[in-house]
Amino acid sequence: MSSTEARGPRQIWRALQWSIKGLRAAWRHEASFRLEGYLFVVLFPLGLWLGDGAVEKAMLCGSLVLVLSAELLNSAVEAIVDKASPEFHELAGRAKDMGSAAVLLLMFNVALCWSLVLFA
């Protein structure tokens, strides 16, 4: 559904508030997001420090941001699947598993980026 409200600073502010609300909900309700958040707090500054130049810093830090983003999307998929179908259904389980697999692949990407940058 498209919005008929004019775009401008007020709409941007509201979008920012909704995004912060989503981050708070993920932090409060998702243990995986909290764990990845703790790792982010430790590894992000380390990536800025260890990266040699802008590209390496972007790879080290950006790969971490991707994991958090995928975890947010995975949590959103899980929440909507649980709301739509509280009982087990094969397709619901498949959707949840695929979301989890996306997070796993991005964690492999973090390991690959950090390994290539730090041990090249």
Protein backbone atom coordinates (compact mmCIF):
# COMPACT_ATOMS: atom_id res chain seq x y z
CA MET A 1 0.00 0.00 0.00
CA SER A 2 1.54 3.29 -1.06
CA SER A 3 1.59 6.28 1.24
CA THR A 4 -0.23 9.47 0.31
CA GLU A 5 1.60 11.43 2.98
CA ALA A 6 4.09 13.98 1.71
CA ARG A 7 7.74 12.99 2.05
CA GLY A 8 9.91 15.25 4.11
CA PRO A 9 11.70 15.61 7.44
CA ARG A 10 8.65 14.56 9.44
CA GLN A 11 8.24 11.30 7.52
CA ILE A 12 11.96 10.61 7.76
CA TRP A 13 11.80 11.17 11.52
CA ARG A 14 8.86 8.77 11.83
CA ALA A 15 10.67 6.13 9.78
CA LEU A 16 13.70 6.50 12.05
CA GLN A 17 11.49 6.04 15.12
CA TRP A 18 9.94 2.88 13.65
CA SER A 19 13.39 1.50 12.86
CA ILE A 20 14.59 2.15 16.41
CA LYS A 21 11.43 0.50 17.71
CA GLY A 22 12.28 -2.57 15.59
CA LEU A 23 15.85 -2.67 16.92
CA ARG A 24 14.58 -2.46 20.50
CA ALA A 25 12.07 -5.25 19.89
CA ALA A 26 14.78 -7.46 18.39
CA TRP A 27 17.09 -6.75 21.33
CA ARG A 28 14.34 -7.46 23.85
CA HIS A 29 12.90 -10.61 22.27
CA GLU A 30 15.64 -12.26 20.19
CA ALA A 31 18.54 -13.96 21.97
CA SER A 32 20.38 -14.53 18.68
CA PHE A 33 20.22 -10.82 17.87
CA ARG A 34 21.59 -9.95 21.31
CA LEU A 35 24.50 -12.36 20.90
CA GLU A 36 25.31 -11.03 17.44
CA GLY A 37 24.94 -7.50 18.82
CA TYR A 38 27.53 -8.20 21.52
CA LEU A 39 29.90 -9.59 18.90
CA PHE A 40 29.25 -6.52 16.74
CA VAL A 41 30.15 -4.17 19.62
CA VAL A 42 33.48 -5.98 20.05
CA LEU A 43 34.35 -6.71 16.42
CA PHE A 44 33.26 -3.47 14.71
CA PRO A 45 35.87 -1.27 16.44
CA LEU A 46 38.41 -4.07 15.99
CA GLY A 47 37.64 -4.10 12.27
CA LEU A 48 38.17 -0.34 12.07
CA TRP A 49 41.48 -0.74 13.84
CA LEU A 50 42.77 -3.81 11.97
CA GLY A 51 41.64 -2.85 8.49
CA ASP A 52 44.34 -1.33 6.33
CA GLY A 53 42.56 1.29 4.26
CA ALA A 54 38.93 2.03 3.56
CA VAL A 55 38.18 -1.12 1.55
CA GLU A 56 39.44 -3.51 4.21
CA LYS A 57 37.63 -1.59 6.96
CA ALA A 58 34.44 -1.67 4.90
CA MET A 59 34.77 -5.44 4.37
CA LEU A 60 35.44 -6.18 8.03
CA CYS A 61 32.75 -3.89 9.42
CA GLY A 62 30.22 -4.21 6.60
CA SER A 63 30.13 -7.98 6.84
CA LEU A 64 29.08 -7.60 10.49
CA VAL A 65 26.27 -5.20 9.59
CA LEU A 66 24.96 -7.72 7.06
CA VAL A 67 24.65 -10.41 9.75
CA LEU A 68 22.60 -8.12 11.98
CA SER A 69 20.40 -7.12 9.05
CA ALA A 70 19.76 -10.73 8.08
CA GLU A 71 19.00 -11.61 11.70
CA LEU A 72 16.39 -8.84 11.82
CA LEU A 73 14.79 -10.17 8.63
CA ASN A 74 14.93 -13.74 9.91
CA SER A 75 13.26 -12.69 13.16
CA ALA A 76 10.58 -10.84 11.19
CA VAL A 77 9.90 -13.95 9.09
CA GLU A 78 9.68 -16.11 12.22
CA ALA A 79 7.30 -13.67 13.91
CA ILE A 80 4.93 -13.46 10.97
CA VAL A 81 5.01 -17.23 10.42
CA ASP A 82 4.20 -17.83 14.09
CA LYS A 83 1.34 -15.30 13.90
CA ALA A 84 -0.09 -16.75 10.69
CA SER A 85 0.29 -20.40 11.62
CA PRO A 86 0.93 -21.20 15.31
CA GLU A 87 0.73 -24.95 14.65
CA PHE A 88 3.51 -26.71 12.80
CA HIS A 89 3.34 -26.69 9.03
CA GLU A 90 6.03 -27.91 6.67
CA LEU A 91 6.09 -24.64 4.69
CA ALA A 92 6.30 -22.58 7.87
CA GLY A 93 9.23 -24.66 9.07
CA ARG A 94 10.89 -24.34 5.68
CA ALA A 95 10.54 -20.54 5.73
CA LYS A 96 12.09 -20.36 9.20
CA ASP A 97 14.92 -22.70 8.21
CA MET A 98 15.69 -20.65 5.10
CA GLY A 99 15.86 -17.45 7.14
CA SER A 100 18.24 -19.14 9.54
CA ALA A 101 20.33 -20.41 6.63
CA ALA A 102 20.64 -16.87 5.27
CA VAL A 103 22.08 -15.73 8.61
CA LEU A 104 24.46 -18.70 8.63
CA LEU A 105 25.74 -17.90 5.14
CA LEU A 106 26.44 -14.32 6.17
CA MET A 107 28.31 -15.58 9.23
CA PHE A 108 30.45 -17.67 6.86
CA ASN A 109 30.94 -14.46 4.87
CA VAL A 110 32.20 -12.70 8.02
CA ALA A 111 34.67 -15.52 8.65
CA LEU A 112 35.83 -15.42 5.02
CA CYS A 113 36.23 -11.62 4.92
CA TRP A 114 38.09 -11.49 8.22
CA SER A 115 40.33 -14.41 7.24
CA LEU A 116 41.22 -12.99 3.85
CA VAL A 117 41.89 -9.49 5.20
CA LEU A 118 43.82 -10.49 8.30
CA PHE A 119 45.76 -13.49 6.97
CA ALA A 120 46.42 -12.50 3.37
